[in-house]
C-alpha atoms as a PDB file:
ATOM      1  CA  MET A   1       0.121   0.134  -0.077  1.00  0.00           C
ATOM      2  CA  ILE A   2       1.135   3.142  -0.978  1.00  0.00           C
ATOM      3  CA  LYS A   3       0.823   5.816   1.797  1.00  0.00           C
ATOM      4  CA  LEU A   4      -0.112   9.601  -0.718  1.00  0.00           C
ATOM      5  CA  PHE A   5       0.548  12.310   2.796  1.00  0.00           C
ATOM      6  CA  PRO A   6       3.006  10.674   4.811  1.00  0.00           C
ATOM      7  CA  ASN A   7       4.462  13.943   5.953  1.00  0.00           C
ATOM      8  CA  LEU A   8       0.742  14.787   7.608  1.00  0.00           C
ATOM      9  CA  ILE A   9      -0.656  12.018   9.193  1.00  0.00           C
ATOM     10  CA  TYR A  10       3.118  11.608  11.558  1.00  0.00           C
ATOM     11  CA  LYS A  11       4.023  14.881  11.625  1.00  0.00           C
ATOM     12  CA  LYS A  12       6.759  15.736  14.220  1.00  0.00           C
ATOM     13  CA  ARG A  13       6.167  18.314  17.298  1.00  0.00           C
ATOM     14  CA  ASP A  14       9.086  21.132  17.854  1.00  0.00           C
ATOM     15  CA  ARG A  15       9.860  20.740  21.232  1.00  0.00           C
ATOM     16  CA  ASN A  16      12.042  24.210  20.809  1.00  0.00           C
ATOM     17  CA  LEU A  17       9.488  26.671  20.282  1.00  0.00           C
ATOM     18  CA  PRO A  18      10.449  30.227  21.122  1.00  0.00           C
ATOM     19  CA  SER A  19       7.405  30.865  23.805  1.00  0.00           C
ATOM     20  CA  SER A  20       5.949  33.930  21.500  1.00  0.00           C
ATOM     21  CA  LYS A  21       4.407  30.944  19.408  1.00  0.00           C
ATOM     22  CA  SER A  22       3.284  29.449  23.209  1.00  0.00           C
ATOM     23  CA  LYS A  23       1.376  32.417  23.473  1.00  0.00           C
ATOM     24  CA  LEU A  24      -0.202  33.219  20.680  1.00  0.00           C
ATOM     25  CA  LYS A  25      -1.539  29.784  20.398  1.00  0.00           C
ATOM     26  CA  LYS A  26      -2.467  30.296  24.107  1.00  0.00           C
ATOM     27  CA  GLU A  27      -4.902  33.793  22.932  1.00  0.00           C
ATOM     28  CA  GLU A  28      -6.061  31.462  19.772  1.00  0.00           C
ATOM     29  CA  ASN A  29      -7.486  29.474  22.561  1.00  0.00           C
ATOM     30  CA  GLY A  30      -8.972  31.517  24.563  1.00  0.00           C
ATOM     31  CA  LYS A  31     -10.435  33.328  21.803  1.00  0.00           C
ATOM     32  CA  SER A  32     -11.791  30.106  19.975  1.00  0.00           C
ATOM     33  CA  LYS A  33     -14.339  29.427  23.100  1.00  0.00           C
ATOM     34  CA  PRO A  34     -16.717  32.157  22.786  1.00  0.00           C
ATOM     35  CA  LEU A  35     -16.941  31.135  18.984  1.00  0.00           C
ATOM     36  CA  ILE A  36     -17.821  28.238  19.769  1.00  0.00           C
ATOM     37  CA  VAL A  37     -21.307  29.002  22.673  1.00  0.00           C
ATOM     38  CA  PHE A  38     -21.681  31.314  20.102  1.00  0.00           C
ATOM     39  CA  GLY A  39     -22.233  28.439  17.304  1.00  0.00           C
ATOM     40  CA  PHE A  40     -23.935  26.557  19.490  1.00  0.00           C
ATOM     41  CA  ILE A  41     -26.381  28.990  20.338  1.00  0.00           C
ATOM     42  CA  ILE A  42     -27.002  29.534  16.743  1.00  0.00           C
ATOM     43  CA  SER A  43     -27.329  25.991  15.734  1.00  0.00           C
ATOM     44  CA  LEU A  44     -29.783  25.548  18.343  1.00  0.00           C
ATOM     45  CA  THR A  45     -31.650  28.560  16.890  1.00  0.00           C
ATOM     46  CA  SER A  46     -31.657  27.286  13.573  1.00  0.00           C
ATOM     47  CA  ILE A  47     -32.860  23.845  15.373  1.00  0.00           C
ATOM     48  CA  PHE A  48     -35.785  25.599  17.236  1.00  0.00           C
ATOM     49  CA  LEU A  49     -36.566  27.864  14.251  1.00  0.00           C
ATOM     50  CA  LEU A  50     -36.868  24.402  11.641  1.00  0.00           C
ATOM     51  CA  LEU A  51     -39.233  22.484  13.808  1.00  0.00           C
ATOM     52  CA  PHE A  52     -41.389  25.631  14.244  1.00  0.00           C
ATOM     53  CA  THR A  53     -41.520  26.147  10.845  1.00  0.00           C
ATOM     54  CA  ILE A  54     -42.776  22.699   9.978  1.00  0.00           C
ATOM     55  CA  ASN A  55     -44.872  22.237  13.255  1.00  0.00           C
ATOM     56  CA  ASN A  56     -46.922  25.952  11.201  1.00  0.00           C
ATOM     57  CA  LYS A  57     -46.228  24.186   8.046  1.00  0.00           C
ATOM     58  CA  PHE A  58     -47.960  20.093   8.886  1.00  0.00           C
ATOM     59  CA  GLY A  59     -48.731  20.003  12.110  1.00  0.00           C
END
């Protein structure tokens, strides 16, 4: 079997990251949590509106 993208699967982590890069990664994680919550609220709202619309049309 031929592996097409072995570089993507077996990436080695660089242990010698400068402190500035590690700080940037921490800031990215802090920004992603509110986006996840906001996306979750929007998806729940859209599901509710879909069910509400189906109930009004066919119920």
